[in-house]
Amino acid sequence: WGALDAGINPVNDCHEMVEDKQGRLLLLTNETKNNVLIYDKSGKLLESWGTSYPGAHGLTLYNDGFEESLFICDTSRHQVIKTDLAGNVKMKLDYPIETGKYDYPSQYLPTESAVNPINGDIYVVDGYGLNYVIQYSSKGEYIRHWGGKGTENNQFQCCHGILVDQRNKNKVTLIITSRVDNCWKKFTLDGQYIS
C-alpha cells in the first residue's frame, strides 16, 4: 500500500495522516521535496505539495462548513501554518510572544493543534518547547495560555498531542497528552484542569 518511488516522492518521518471529505488520505512528512502526499484509499499517489516545512510534525484537518483547511505544526519554523488542501497559505501563527513566556522563536516547538468545531478556536500544544497550550480565535488572535513544564495537574511533561473531545455534546472538553507522564489530561475549553 502506498508504494512510491523514493527518488521522486521521498518520505521522512511520517508524523501524521488525515482523511478529507473526499476520502483522500493526506500524509505529512518533513521531507521538503514533498511535505504533503495525497493518496486515494488504494494507496495510489494523487498529488503532492510543500517544500518549506522542514520540521513538519502535526497535521490537523478542519472543516468550517465552507471549506477544509490544514494546520501544519512546524518545529523548525517555530510556527503553525494554516493552508487550504492545495497548500496555499491562509494564516501563520508565529511563536506566542503575547504569553510573556517566550523570549525568542526557537523556544517554541509546536507539535500538534486542534480546532474547536463550535467556534473555530485554535489550540496549539508546544510539546517540544516550553509545554504551554496556546488558544487563539479562528482569526489567529491570541486568547490565553496555560500549562508549562512541570508535574502539577495543569502542567505537562511534553504536551505532545491535543484533541477536542466531542463525545459529550453538552460538555465538550480538551484531551491533552503528557507524554513523559504516560497520561492524558482533560481540560475545559478555557484551560481549567478536570482530570
N, C-alpha and C. Protein backbone atom coordinates (compact mmCIF):
# COMPACT_ATOMS: atom_id res chain seq x y z
N TRP A 1 0.84 -1.18 0.00
CA TRP A 1 0.00 0.00 0.00
C TRP A 1 0.88 1.24 0.00
N GLY A 2 0.56 2.19 -0.82
CA GLY A 2 1.28 3.46 -0.82
C GLY A 2 2.72 3.36 -1.28
N ALA A 3 3.04 2.36 -2.11
CA ALA A 3 4.43 2.22 -2.57
C ALA A 3 4.76 3.37 -3.52
N LEU A 4 5.85 4.07 -3.22
CA LEU A 4 6.28 5.21 -4.01
C LEU A 4 7.69 4.99 -4.52
N ASP A 5 8.06 5.72 -5.52
CA ASP A 5 9.45 5.79 -5.96
C ASP A 5 10.12 6.82 -5.07
N ALA A 6 10.99 6.36 -4.17
CA ALA A 6 11.63 7.25 -3.20
C ALA A 6 12.49 8.32 -3.87
N GLY A 7 12.92 8.09 -5.09
CA GLY A 7 13.68 9.09 -5.80
C GLY A 7 12.83 10.26 -6.27
N ILE A 8 11.55 10.01 -6.44
CA ILE A 8 10.63 11.06 -6.89
C ILE A 8 9.83 11.63 -5.73
N ASN A 9 9.31 10.77 -4.88
CA ASN A 9 8.48 11.19 -3.74
C ASN A 9 9.02 10.59 -2.44
N PRO A 10 10.14 11.12 -1.94
CA PRO A 10 10.69 10.59 -0.69
C PRO A 10 9.84 10.94 0.52
N VAL A 11 9.91 10.09 1.52
CA VAL A 11 9.19 10.30 2.77
C VAL A 11 10.20 10.23 3.91
N ASN A 12 10.06 11.15 4.86
CA ASN A 12 10.92 11.17 6.04
C ASN A 12 10.04 11.52 7.24
N ASP A 13 10.05 10.70 8.26
CA ASP A 13 9.26 10.96 9.47
C ASP A 13 7.80 11.21 9.15
N CYS A 14 7.05 10.15 8.95
CA CYS A 14 5.59 10.27 8.72
C CYS A 14 4.92 10.57 10.05
N HIS A 15 4.71 11.81 10.36
CA HIS A 15 4.17 12.17 11.66
C HIS A 15 2.65 12.12 11.74
N GLU A 16 1.98 12.35 10.64
CA GLU A 16 0.53 12.48 10.77
C GLU A 16 -0.15 12.19 9.45
N MET A 17 -1.39 11.70 9.53
CA MET A 17 -2.21 11.47 8.35
C MET A 17 -3.65 11.81 8.70
N VAL A 18 -4.35 12.49 7.78
CA VAL A 18 -5.76 12.82 7.97
C VAL A 18 -6.53 12.43 6.71
N GLU A 19 -7.84 12.32 6.84
CA GLU A 19 -8.70 11.99 5.71
C GLU A 19 -9.64 13.15 5.43
N ASP A 20 -9.64 13.63 4.19
CA ASP A 20 -10.53 14.74 3.84
C ASP A 20 -11.92 14.22 3.49
N LYS A 21 -12.86 15.14 3.23
CA LYS A 21 -14.24 14.72 2.99
C LYS A 21 -14.42 13.97 1.68
N GLN A 22 -13.43 14.02 0.78
CA GLN A 22 -13.47 13.25 -0.46
C GLN A 22 -12.94 11.83 -0.26
N GLY A 23 -12.47 11.54 0.96
CA GLY A 23 -11.92 10.22 1.24
C GLY A 23 -10.45 10.08 0.89
N ARG A 24 -9.80 11.20 0.54
CA ARG A 24 -8.37 11.15 0.24
C ARG A 24 -7.58 11.17 1.55
N LEU A 25 -6.43 10.53 1.57
CA LEU A 25 -5.57 10.47 2.74
C LEU A 25 -4.39 11.40 2.52
N LEU A 26 -4.20 12.34 3.43
CA LEU A 26 -3.12 13.32 3.34
C LEU A 26 -2.07 12.99 4.39
N LEU A 27 -0.88 12.69 3.93
CA LEU A 27 0.24 12.32 4.80
C LEU A 27 1.20 13.49 4.91
N LEU A 28 1.60 13.80 6.13
CA LEU A 28 2.57 14.87 6.38
C LEU A 28 3.94 14.26 6.66
N THR A 29 4.95 14.75 5.95
CA THR A 29 6.32 14.32 6.17
C THR A 29 7.20 15.56 6.25
N ASN A 30 8.32 15.47 6.95
CA ASN A 30 9.22 16.63 6.98
C ASN A 30 10.25 16.57 5.85
N GLU A 31 9.99 15.77 4.84
CA GLU A 31 10.80 15.76 3.62
C GLU A 31 10.36 16.93 2.75
N THR A 32 11.26 17.88 2.51
CA THR A 32 10.88 19.11 1.82
C THR A 32 10.82 18.98 0.30
N LYS A 33 11.01 17.81 -0.23
CA LYS A 33 10.74 17.62 -1.66
C LYS A 33 9.25 17.48 -1.90
N ASN A 34 8.51 17.07 -0.87
CA ASN A 34 7.06 16.91 -0.94
C ASN A 34 6.50 16.70 0.46
N ASN A 35 6.25 17.80 1.16
CA ASN A 35 5.80 17.70 2.55
C ASN A 35 4.45 17.03 2.72
N VAL A 36 3.56 17.19 1.77
CA VAL A 36 2.23 16.59 1.86
C VAL A 36 2.03 15.67 0.65
N LEU A 37 1.75 14.41 0.94
CA LEU A 37 1.45 13.42 -0.09
C LEU A 37 -0.02 13.06 0.03
N ILE A 38 -0.74 13.11 -1.07
CA ILE A 38 -2.18 12.85 -1.06
C ILE A 38 -2.46 11.57 -1.83
N TYR A 39 -3.07 10.60 -1.14
CA TYR A 39 -3.35 9.28 -1.69
C TYR A 39 -4.85 9.05 -1.81
N ASP A 40 -5.23 8.15 -2.70
CA ASP A 40 -6.58 7.61 -2.63
C ASP A 40 -6.52 6.42 -1.66
N LYS A 41 -7.65 5.80 -1.38
CA LYS A 41 -7.66 4.73 -0.37
C LYS A 41 -6.96 3.45 -0.82
N SER A 42 -6.71 3.32 -2.11
CA SER A 42 -5.99 2.14 -2.58
C SER A 42 -4.47 2.31 -2.41
N GLY A 43 -4.04 3.52 -2.07
CA GLY A 43 -2.61 3.78 -1.91
C GLY A 43 -1.97 4.46 -3.10
N LYS A 44 -2.76 4.79 -4.11
CA LYS A 44 -2.24 5.48 -5.29
C LYS A 44 -1.98 6.95 -4.94
N LEU A 45 -0.80 7.43 -5.28
CA LEU A 45 -0.47 8.83 -5.05
C LEU A 45 -1.22 9.69 -6.06
N LEU A 46 -1.99 10.65 -5.56
CA LEU A 46 -2.77 11.54 -6.40
C LEU A 46 -2.03 12.84 -6.68
N GLU A 47 -1.41 13.39 -5.66
CA GLU A 47 -0.65 14.62 -5.81
C GLU A 47 0.24 14.82 -4.59
N SER A 48 1.12 15.80 -4.71
CA SER A 48 1.97 16.16 -3.58
C SER A 48 2.28 17.64 -3.66
N TRP A 49 2.59 18.22 -2.52
CA TRP A 49 2.98 19.62 -2.48
C TRP A 49 3.76 19.90 -1.19
N GLY A 50 4.38 21.06 -1.14
CA GLY A 50 5.08 21.51 0.06
C GLY A 50 6.56 21.28 -0.01
N THR A 51 7.30 22.37 0.06
CA THR A 51 8.77 22.30 0.07
C THR A 51 9.36 23.17 1.17
N SER A 52 8.53 23.72 2.03
CA SER A 52 9.03 24.69 3.00
C SER A 52 8.69 24.35 4.45
N TYR A 53 8.50 23.06 4.74
CA TYR A 53 8.15 22.64 6.10
C TYR A 53 9.17 21.61 6.61
N PRO A 54 10.39 22.04 6.94
CA PRO A 54 11.44 21.10 7.35
C PRO A 54 11.17 20.43 8.69
N GLY A 55 10.34 21.04 9.52
CA GLY A 55 10.02 20.45 10.81
C GLY A 55 8.56 20.05 10.89
N ALA A 56 7.97 19.67 9.75
CA ALA A 56 6.55 19.29 9.71
C ALA A 56 6.30 18.19 10.73
N HIS A 57 5.38 18.43 11.63
CA HIS A 57 5.16 17.48 12.71
C HIS A 57 3.68 17.16 12.93
N GLY A 58 2.86 18.16 13.18
CA GLY A 58 1.45 17.94 13.43
C GLY A 58 0.61 18.37 12.25
N LEU A 59 -0.43 17.61 11.94
CA LEU A 59 -1.33 17.94 10.85
C LEU A 59 -2.77 17.79 11.36
N THR A 60 -3.52 18.88 11.28
CA THR A 60 -4.91 18.88 11.71
C THR A 60 -5.77 19.30 10.53
N LEU A 61 -6.84 18.56 10.29
CA LEU A 61 -7.80 18.89 9.25
C LEU A 61 -9.00 19.53 9.92
N TYR A 62 -9.46 20.66 9.37
CA TYR A 62 -10.61 21.35 9.94
C TYR A 62 -11.55 21.78 8.82
N ASN A 63 -12.83 21.49 9.02
CA ASN A 63 -13.86 21.87 8.06
C ASN A 63 -14.76 22.90 8.74
N ASP A 64 -14.74 24.13 8.24
CA ASP A 64 -15.54 25.19 8.86
C ASP A 64 -16.95 25.26 8.31
N GLY A 65 -17.32 24.29 7.50
CA GLY A 65 -18.65 24.26 6.90
C GLY A 65 -18.64 24.76 5.47
N PHE A 66 -17.59 25.48 5.10
CA PHE A 66 -17.46 26.00 3.74
C PHE A 66 -16.30 25.34 3.01
N GLU A 67 -15.18 25.21 3.72
CA GLU A 67 -14.01 24.58 3.10
C GLU A 67 -13.18 23.86 4.16
N GLU A 68 -12.36 22.95 3.70
CA GLU A 68 -11.45 22.23 4.58
C GLU A 68 -10.10 22.94 4.58
N SER A 69 -9.49 22.98 5.75
CA SER A 69 -8.17 23.58 5.91
C SER A 69 -7.27 22.63 6.66
N LEU A 70 -5.98 22.83 6.49
CA LEU A 70 -4.97 22.08 7.22
C LEU A 70 -4.22 23.03 8.15
N PHE A 71 -3.87 22.54 9.32
CA PHE A 71 -2.99 23.26 10.23
C PHE A 71 -1.73 22.41 10.37
N ILE A 72 -0.60 22.95 9.93
CA ILE A 72 0.68 22.26 9.98
C ILE A 72 1.51 22.85 11.11
N CYS A 73 1.87 22.03 12.09
CA CYS A 73 2.79 22.46 13.15
C CYS A 73 4.20 22.15 12.67
N ASP A 74 5.04 23.17 12.61
CA ASP A 74 6.41 23.00 12.14
C ASP A 74 7.38 23.39 13.25
N THR A 75 8.08 22.39 13.78
CA THR A 75 9.00 22.63 14.89
C THR A 75 10.26 23.38 14.46
N SER A 76 10.65 23.29 13.20
CA SER A 76 11.84 24.02 12.72
C SER A 76 11.52 25.47 12.40
N ARG A 77 10.33 25.72 11.90
CA ARG A 77 9.92 27.10 11.58
C ARG A 77 9.36 27.81 12.81
N HIS A 78 9.08 27.06 13.87
CA HIS A 78 8.52 27.62 15.10
C HIS A 78 7.20 28.32 14.80
N GLN A 79 6.36 27.65 14.02
CA GLN A 79 5.10 28.22 13.57
C GLN A 79 4.04 27.13 13.41
N VAL A 80 2.80 27.60 13.37
CA VAL A 80 1.69 26.79 12.89
C VAL A 80 1.19 27.50 11.64
N ILE A 81 1.05 26.76 10.56
CA ILE A 81 0.67 27.33 9.28
C ILE A 81 -0.65 26.73 8.85
N LYS A 82 -1.63 27.59 8.56
CA LYS A 82 -2.92 27.14 8.04
C LYS A 82 -2.87 27.23 6.52
N THR A 83 -3.26 26.15 5.85
CA THR A 83 -3.29 26.13 4.39
C THR A 83 -4.63 25.59 3.92
N ASP A 84 -4.91 25.78 2.63
CA ASP A 84 -6.02 25.05 2.04
C ASP A 84 -5.48 23.68 1.64
N LEU A 85 -6.32 22.83 1.06
CA LEU A 85 -5.89 21.47 0.73
C LEU A 85 -4.92 21.41 -0.45
N ALA A 86 -4.75 22.54 -1.14
CA ALA A 86 -3.78 22.60 -2.24
C ALA A 86 -2.45 23.19 -1.78
N GLY A 87 -2.36 23.56 -0.50
CA GLY A 87 -1.11 24.07 0.05
C GLY A 87 -0.97 25.58 0.06
N ASN A 88 -2.00 26.30 -0.34
CA ASN A 88 -1.94 27.77 -0.30
C ASN A 88 -2.06 28.25 1.14
N VAL A 89 -1.11 29.08 1.57
CA VAL A 89 -1.08 29.55 2.95
C VAL A 89 -2.19 30.56 3.20
N LYS A 90 -2.95 30.33 4.27
CA LYS A 90 -4.06 31.20 4.66
C LYS A 90 -3.76 32.01 5.92
N MET A 91 -2.89 31.46 6.80
CA MET A 91 -2.57 32.13 8.06
C MET A 91 -1.31 31.50 8.64
N LYS A 92 -0.54 32.31 9.37
CA LYS A 92 0.62 31.81 10.12
C LYS A 92 0.48 32.24 11.56
N LEU A 93 0.72 31.32 12.47
CA LEU A 93 0.76 31.63 13.89
C LEU A 93 2.22 31.51 14.32
N ASP A 94 2.85 32.65 14.57
CA ASP A 94 4.25 32.67 14.98
C ASP A 94 4.37 32.32 16.45
N TYR A 95 5.60 32.32 16.96
CA TYR A 95 5.78 31.98 18.36
C TYR A 95 4.98 32.95 19.23
N PRO A 96 4.39 32.46 20.30
CA PRO A 96 3.42 33.25 21.07
C PRO A 96 4.05 34.23 22.05
N ILE A 97 4.62 35.29 21.52
CA ILE A 97 5.26 36.30 22.36
C ILE A 97 4.26 36.93 23.33
N GLU A 98 2.96 36.94 22.94
CA GLU A 98 1.91 37.55 23.77
C GLU A 98 1.79 36.90 25.14
N THR A 99 2.25 35.67 25.28
CA THR A 99 2.14 34.97 26.55
C THR A 99 3.06 35.54 27.62
N GLY A 100 4.15 36.18 27.19
CA GLY A 100 5.16 36.64 28.14
C GLY A 100 6.09 35.53 28.60
N LYS A 101 5.93 34.34 28.04
CA LYS A 101 6.74 33.18 28.45
C LYS A 101 7.90 32.90 27.49
N TYR A 102 7.80 33.39 26.26
CA TYR A 102 8.79 33.09 25.22
C TYR A 102 9.63 34.31 24.92
N ASP A 103 10.94 34.14 25.04
CA ASP A 103 11.87 35.25 24.76
C ASP A 103 12.31 35.29 23.31
N TYR A 104 12.26 34.14 22.63
CA TYR A 104 12.70 34.08 21.23
C TYR A 104 12.04 32.88 20.56
N PRO A 105 11.94 32.91 19.21
CA PRO A 105 11.20 31.88 18.48
C PRO A 105 11.64 30.46 18.73
N SER A 106 12.94 30.21 18.89
CA SER A 106 13.40 28.82 18.98
C SER A 106 12.98 28.13 20.28
N GLN A 107 12.38 28.86 21.21
CA GLN A 107 11.83 28.23 22.41
C GLN A 107 10.49 27.54 22.11
N TYR A 108 9.92 27.86 20.98
CA TYR A 108 8.58 27.40 20.61
C TYR A 108 8.69 26.29 19.57
N LEU A 109 8.27 25.08 19.95
CA LEU A 109 8.36 23.90 19.09
C LEU A 109 7.01 23.18 19.08
N PRO A 110 6.03 23.74 18.37
CA PRO A 110 4.67 23.19 18.40
C PRO A 110 4.59 21.80 17.77
N THR A 111 3.90 20.90 18.45
CA THR A 111 3.82 19.52 17.97
C THR A 111 2.45 19.14 17.43
N GLU A 112 1.39 19.83 17.86
CA GLU A 112 0.05 19.45 17.41
C GLU A 112 -0.91 20.61 17.64
N SER A 113 -2.03 20.57 16.92
CA SER A 113 -3.08 21.57 17.08
C SER A 113 -4.43 20.86 17.05
N ALA A 114 -5.44 21.59 17.50
CA ALA A 114 -6.82 21.12 17.43
C ALA A 114 -7.69 22.34 17.23
N VAL A 115 -8.83 22.15 16.59
CA VAL A 115 -9.74 23.26 16.34
C VAL A 115 -11.11 22.93 16.93
N ASN A 116 -11.66 23.88 17.68
CA ASN A 116 -12.97 23.71 18.26
C ASN A 116 -14.01 23.89 17.15
N PRO A 117 -14.80 22.85 16.84
CA PRO A 117 -15.76 22.94 15.75
C PRO A 117 -16.93 23.89 16.03
N ILE A 118 -17.11 24.28 17.27
CA ILE A 118 -18.21 25.16 17.64
C ILE A 118 -17.92 26.61 17.23
N ASN A 119 -16.72 27.10 17.54
CA ASN A 119 -16.40 28.50 17.26
C ASN A 119 -15.11 28.70 16.46
N GLY A 120 -14.42 27.62 16.13
CA GLY A 120 -13.20 27.73 15.34
C GLY A 120 -11.96 28.10 16.12
N ASP A 121 -12.05 28.17 17.45
CA ASP A 121 -10.85 28.47 18.24
C ASP A 121 -9.78 27.42 17.97
N ILE A 122 -8.54 27.87 17.91
CA ILE A 122 -7.39 27.02 17.59
C ILE A 122 -6.59 26.81 18.87
N TYR A 123 -6.25 25.57 19.15
CA TYR A 123 -5.42 25.22 20.31
C TYR A 123 -4.13 24.61 19.80
N VAL A 124 -3.00 25.09 20.31
CA VAL A 124 -1.70 24.58 19.90
C VAL A 124 -0.95 24.11 21.14
N VAL A 125 -0.37 22.91 21.07
CA VAL A 125 0.47 22.44 22.17
C VAL A 125 1.94 22.53 21.75
N ASP A 126 2.73 23.07 22.67
CA ASP A 126 4.16 23.29 22.44
C ASP A 126 4.94 22.17 23.13
N GLY A 127 4.74 20.95 22.63
CA GLY A 127 5.26 19.77 23.31
C GLY A 127 6.77 19.64 23.36
N TYR A 128 7.47 20.15 22.36
CA TYR A 128 8.93 20.05 22.37
C TYR A 128 9.58 21.35 22.82
N GLY A 129 8.76 22.31 23.21
CA GLY A 129 9.27 23.61 23.67
C GLY A 129 9.02 23.78 25.15
N LEU A 130 8.28 24.84 25.50
CA LEU A 130 8.06 25.17 26.90
C LEU A 130 6.80 24.54 27.50
N ASN A 131 6.11 23.71 26.71
CA ASN A 131 4.98 22.91 27.20
C ASN A 131 3.75 23.72 27.59
N TYR A 132 3.51 24.80 26.87
CA TYR A 132 2.28 25.55 27.07
C TYR A 132 1.24 25.16 26.03
N VAL A 133 -0.02 25.35 26.39
CA VAL A 133 -1.13 25.25 25.46
C VAL A 133 -1.53 26.68 25.15
N ILE A 134 -1.59 27.04 23.87
CA ILE A 134 -1.95 28.39 23.48
C ILE A 134 -3.26 28.34 22.71
N GLN A 135 -4.20 29.17 23.12
CA GLN A 135 -5.51 29.24 22.49
C GLN A 135 -5.61 30.52 21.68
N TYR A 136 -6.09 30.38 20.43
CA TYR A 136 -6.29 31.51 19.53
C TYR A 136 -7.73 31.51 19.04
N SER A 137 -8.20 32.66 18.59
CA SER A 137 -9.50 32.72 17.92
C SER A 137 -9.35 32.13 16.53
N SER A 138 -10.46 31.95 15.84
CA SER A 138 -10.42 31.43 14.47
C SER A 138 -9.65 32.35 13.52
N LYS A 139 -9.50 33.61 13.90
CA LYS A 139 -8.75 34.57 13.09
C LYS A 139 -7.27 34.63 13.48
N GLY A 140 -6.87 33.81 14.46
CA GLY A 140 -5.48 33.77 14.87
C GLY A 140 -5.12 34.77 15.95
N GLU A 141 -6.11 35.32 16.63
CA GLU A 141 -5.86 36.28 17.71
C GLU A 141 -5.64 35.52 19.01
N TYR A 142 -4.58 35.87 19.73
CA TYR A 142 -4.26 35.23 21.00
C TYR A 142 -5.40 35.43 22.00
N ILE A 143 -5.79 34.34 22.66
CA ILE A 143 -6.81 34.40 23.71
C ILE A 143 -6.19 34.16 25.08
N ARG A 144 -5.52 33.01 25.24
CA ARG A 144 -4.95 32.67 26.55
C ARG A 144 -3.94 31.54 26.37
N HIS A 145 -3.26 31.24 27.47
CA HIS A 145 -2.35 30.10 27.51
C HIS A 145 -2.41 29.50 28.91
N TRP A 146 -2.00 28.26 29.01
CA TRP A 146 -1.89 27.61 30.32
C TRP A 146 -0.90 26.46 30.20
N GLY A 147 -0.58 25.89 31.34
CA GLY A 147 0.31 24.73 31.35
C GLY A 147 1.71 25.11 31.74
N GLY A 148 2.66 24.75 30.89
CA GLY A 148 4.07 24.90 31.20
C GLY A 148 4.62 23.57 31.67
N LYS A 149 5.92 23.50 31.70
CA LYS A 149 6.56 22.24 32.10
C LYS A 149 6.51 22.08 33.62
N GLY A 150 6.07 20.92 34.05
CA GLY A 150 6.00 20.65 35.48
C GLY A 150 5.19 19.42 35.76
N THR A 151 4.99 19.15 37.03
CA THR A 151 4.29 17.94 37.45
C THR A 151 2.94 18.22 38.09
N GLU A 152 2.54 19.48 38.15
CA GLU A 152 1.21 19.80 38.68
C GLU A 152 0.14 19.31 37.70
N ASN A 153 -1.09 19.21 38.17
CA ASN A 153 -2.18 18.71 37.33
C ASN A 153 -2.34 19.51 36.04
N ASN A 154 -2.15 20.84 36.12
CA ASN A 154 -2.36 21.68 34.95
C ASN A 154 -1.07 21.92 34.16
N GLN A 155 -0.03 21.14 34.44
CA GLN A 155 1.25 21.26 33.73
C GLN A 155 1.54 19.96 32.97
N PHE A 156 2.61 19.99 32.18
CA PHE A 156 2.89 18.87 31.29
C PHE A 156 4.37 18.49 31.27
N GLN A 157 4.58 17.23 30.97
CA GLN A 157 5.90 16.70 30.64
C GLN A 157 5.81 16.26 29.18
N CYS A 158 5.91 17.19 28.28
CA CYS A 158 5.77 17.01 26.83
C CYS A 158 4.30 16.88 26.43
N CYS A 159 3.64 18.03 26.33
CA CYS A 159 2.23 18.04 25.87
C CYS A 159 2.25 17.87 24.35
N HIS A 160 2.35 16.63 23.95
CA HIS A 160 2.66 16.27 22.56
C HIS A 160 1.45 16.29 21.65
N GLY A 161 0.28 15.94 22.16
CA GLY A 161 -0.92 15.85 21.33
C GLY A 161 -2.11 16.49 22.01
N ILE A 162 -3.10 16.88 21.18
CA ILE A 162 -4.31 17.51 21.70
C ILE A 162 -5.48 17.18 20.78
N LEU A 163 -6.67 17.05 21.37
CA LEU A 163 -7.88 16.93 20.56
C LEU A 163 -9.05 17.55 21.30
N VAL A 164 -10.03 17.98 20.52
CA VAL A 164 -11.28 18.47 21.07
C VAL A 164 -12.19 17.25 21.19
N ASP A 165 -12.55 16.90 22.42
CA ASP A 165 -13.35 15.72 22.71
C ASP A 165 -14.83 16.10 22.68
N GLN A 166 -15.55 15.62 21.65
CA GLN A 166 -16.95 15.96 21.46
C GLN A 166 -17.89 14.81 21.80
N ARG A 167 -17.40 13.80 22.49
CA ARG A 167 -18.25 12.65 22.78
C ARG A 167 -19.48 13.04 23.58
N ASN A 168 -19.33 13.98 24.51
CA ASN A 168 -20.46 14.51 25.25
C ASN A 168 -20.75 15.90 24.67
N LYS A 169 -21.75 16.00 23.81
CA LYS A 169 -22.04 17.26 23.12
C LYS A 169 -22.39 18.39 24.07
N ASN A 170 -22.84 18.05 25.29
CA ASN A 170 -23.18 19.08 26.28
C ASN A 170 -21.98 19.55 27.08
N LYS A 171 -20.87 18.81 26.98
CA LYS A 171 -19.68 19.18 27.74
C LYS A 171 -18.44 18.84 26.91
N VAL A 172 -18.20 19.67 25.90
CA VAL A 172 -17.03 19.48 25.03
C VAL A 172 -15.78 19.86 25.83
N THR A 173 -14.75 19.04 25.74
CA THR A 173 -13.52 19.27 26.51
C THR A 173 -12.30 19.10 25.60
N LEU A 174 -11.15 19.32 26.19
CA LEU A 174 -9.87 19.07 25.52
C LEU A 174 -9.20 17.89 26.20
N ILE A 175 -8.59 17.02 25.41
CA ILE A 175 -7.73 15.97 25.95
C ILE A 175 -6.34 16.24 25.43
N ILE A 176 -5.38 16.31 26.35
CA ILE A 176 -4.00 16.68 26.02
C ILE A 176 -3.08 15.62 26.59
N THR A 177 -2.15 15.16 25.79
CA THR A 177 -1.20 14.16 26.28
C THR A 177 -0.09 14.82 27.09
N SER A 178 0.36 14.11 28.08
CA SER A 178 1.58 14.46 28.81
C SER A 178 2.47 13.24 28.64
N ARG A 179 3.25 13.26 27.57
CA ARG A 179 3.91 12.06 27.07
C ARG A 179 4.87 11.42 28.06
N VAL A 180 5.69 12.19 28.70
CA VAL A 180 6.66 11.62 29.64
C VAL A 180 5.94 11.00 30.84
N ASP A 181 4.80 11.58 31.22
CA ASP A 181 4.00 11.04 32.33
C ASP A 181 3.15 9.84 31.91
N ASN A 182 3.14 9.52 30.60
CA ASN A 182 2.32 8.42 30.08
C ASN A 182 0.84 8.59 30.46
N CYS A 183 0.32 9.82 30.27
CA CYS A 183 -1.08 10.03 30.62
C CYS A 183 -1.73 11.06 29.71
N TRP A 184 -3.05 11.08 29.78
CA TRP A 184 -3.86 12.10 29.13
C TRP A 184 -4.42 12.97 30.23
N LYS A 185 -4.53 14.27 29.94
CA LYS A 185 -5.14 15.19 30.89
C LYS A 185 -6.33 15.86 30.21
N LYS A 186 -7.41 15.99 30.98
CA LYS A 186 -8.65 16.56 30.45
C LYS A 186 -8.83 17.97 31.00
N PHE A 187 -9.20 18.91 30.09
CA PHE A 187 -9.38 20.31 30.45
C PHE A 187 -10.67 20.84 29.85
N THR A 188 -11.20 21.90 30.46
CA THR A 188 -12.29 22.64 29.84
C THR A 188 -11.72 23.38 28.64
N LEU A 189 -12.60 23.93 27.81
CA LEU A 189 -12.14 24.66 26.63
C LEU A 189 -11.43 25.96 26.96
N ASP A 190 -11.56 26.41 28.23
CA ASP A 190 -10.82 27.61 28.64
C ASP A 190 -9.64 27.28 29.56
N GLY A 191 -9.21 26.01 29.53
CA GLY A 191 -7.97 25.63 30.18
C GLY A 191 -8.05 25.26 31.64
N GLN A 192 -9.22 24.96 32.16
CA GLN A 192 -9.34 24.53 33.55
C GLN A 192 -9.17 23.02 33.64
N TYR A 193 -8.27 22.59 34.50
CA TYR A 193 -7.99 21.15 34.66
C TYR A 193 -9.22 20.42 35.19
N ILE A 194 -9.56 19.27 34.59
CA ILE A 194 -10.69 18.45 35.05
C ILE A 194 -10.20 17.16 35.69
N SER A 195 -9.38 16.41 34.95
CA SER A 195 -8.92 15.11 35.49
C SER A 195 -7.71 14.63 34.73
